[in-house]
Protein backbone atom coordinates (compact mmCIF):
# COMPACT_ATOMS: atom_id res chain seq x y z
CA MET A 1 0.00 -0.01 0.01
CA ALA A 2 1.34 3.45 -0.89
CA ILE A 3 2.13 5.72 2.06
CA ASN A 4 3.04 9.39 1.79
CA LEU A 5 6.21 10.26 3.70
CA SER A 6 6.97 13.94 4.39
CA ILE A 7 10.60 14.90 3.80
CA PRO A 8 12.13 17.82 5.76
CA ALA A 9 13.89 20.65 3.94
CA ALA A 10 17.31 19.50 5.17
CA LEU A 11 16.98 16.20 3.26
CA ARG A 12 15.08 17.27 0.14
CA SER A 13 18.22 17.64 -1.95
CA PHE A 14 18.62 13.83 -1.69
CA VAL A 15 15.10 13.19 -3.06
CA GLY A 16 15.10 15.56 -6.02
CA GLY A 17 13.72 18.47 -4.00
CA LEU A 18 10.47 16.70 -3.17
CA ASN A 19 8.70 17.57 0.07
CA GLN A 20 6.80 14.28 0.03
CA VAL A 21 7.34 10.86 -1.50
CA SER A 22 4.94 7.97 -1.92
CA LEU A 23 6.31 4.54 -0.96
CA ASP A 24 4.99 1.05 -0.40
CA GLY A 25 5.22 -0.44 3.07
CA GLN A 26 3.25 -1.62 6.05
CA THR A 27 5.70 -0.52 8.76
CA VAL A 28 7.94 2.48 9.32
CA GLY A 29 10.99 0.25 8.73
CA GLN A 30 9.67 -0.91 5.37
CA LEU A 31 9.03 2.70 4.35
CA LEU A 32 12.52 3.80 5.29
CA LYS A 33 14.14 0.88 3.47
CA ALA A 34 12.05 1.65 0.38
CA LEU A 35 13.12 5.31 0.67
CA ALA A 36 16.80 4.36 0.92
CA THR A 37 16.46 1.99 -2.06
CA GLU A 38 14.75 4.59 -4.24
CA TYR A 39 17.09 7.41 -3.14
CA PRO A 40 20.42 5.71 -2.29
CA ASP A 41 22.23 9.02 -1.64
CA LEU A 42 19.89 9.52 1.31
CA SER A 43 20.68 6.12 2.88
CA PRO A 44 23.83 7.16 4.82
CA HIS A 45 21.86 10.01 6.39
CA LEU A 46 19.28 7.55 7.72
CA PHE A 47 21.21 4.37 8.49
CA ASP A 48 24.62 3.71 10.03
CA GLU A 49 27.18 1.21 8.69
CA THR A 50 25.41 -1.67 10.49
CA GLY A 51 22.08 -0.82 8.87
CA SER A 52 20.54 0.57 12.06
CA LEU A 53 18.56 3.79 12.01
CA ARG A 54 20.77 6.66 13.14
CA SER A 55 19.96 7.85 16.65
CA TYR A 56 19.28 11.41 15.51
CA VAL A 57 16.67 10.39 12.93
CA ASN A 58 13.10 10.56 14.20
CA VAL A 59 9.95 9.38 12.47
CA PHE A 60 6.54 10.56 13.53
CA VAL A 61 3.27 8.80 12.72
CA ASP A 62 0.27 11.02 13.34
CA GLY A 63 2.47 13.30 15.44
CA GLN A 64 3.78 10.52 17.70
CA ASN A 65 7.47 9.56 17.67
CA VAL A 66 7.78 5.89 16.73
CA LYS A 67 10.58 5.57 19.32
CA ASN A 68 7.77 5.80 21.88
CA ARG A 69 5.75 3.17 20.02
CA GLU A 70 6.99 0.06 18.26
CA GLY A 71 10.05 1.62 16.64
CA LEU A 72 10.63 0.55 13.06
CA GLU A 73 7.92 -2.10 13.47
CA THR A 74 5.28 0.61 13.96
CA PRO A 75 2.50 -0.14 11.46
CA VAL A 76 1.38 2.56 9.02
CA THR A 77 -1.67 3.06 6.82
CA ALA A 78 -2.35 5.38 3.92
CA SER A 79 -4.61 7.53 6.08
CA GLN A 80 -1.82 8.37 8.53
CA SER A 81 0.62 11.28 8.47
CA VAL A 82 4.21 9.99 8.39
CA THR A 83 7.02 12.52 8.81
CA LEU A 84 10.80 12.11 8.77
CA VAL A 85 12.56 14.50 11.18
CA PRO A 86 16.33 14.48 11.60
CA ALA A 87 17.69 16.34 14.61
CA ILE A 88 19.36 19.62 13.69
CA ALA A 89 22.25 20.91 15.77
CA GLY A 90 24.02 24.20 15.77
CA GLY A 91 23.37 27.82 16.51
CA ARG A 92 24.47 29.68 19.58
CA ALA A 93 23.23 30.07 23.09
CA LEU A 94 21.26 33.21 23.86
């Protein structure tokens, strides 16, 4: 089933500038693997050398972080909002 995955501005250059991609999958893990397969330049930004999701990459399903649910095994449906959110560091203290 096709699921729409929202891509943040920081990663859009790896997906041809798209703000959303449609991928097949039934879990968050399947979606991310499909994303990395379709856009291989994005893969090292999502997964480490062992194939694990990088600790600073967050995925939200209907506004809820999957790290607080079933992780990559969190099921998804076409009616849900799925958003990829990498942590951004930098700036200065005020």
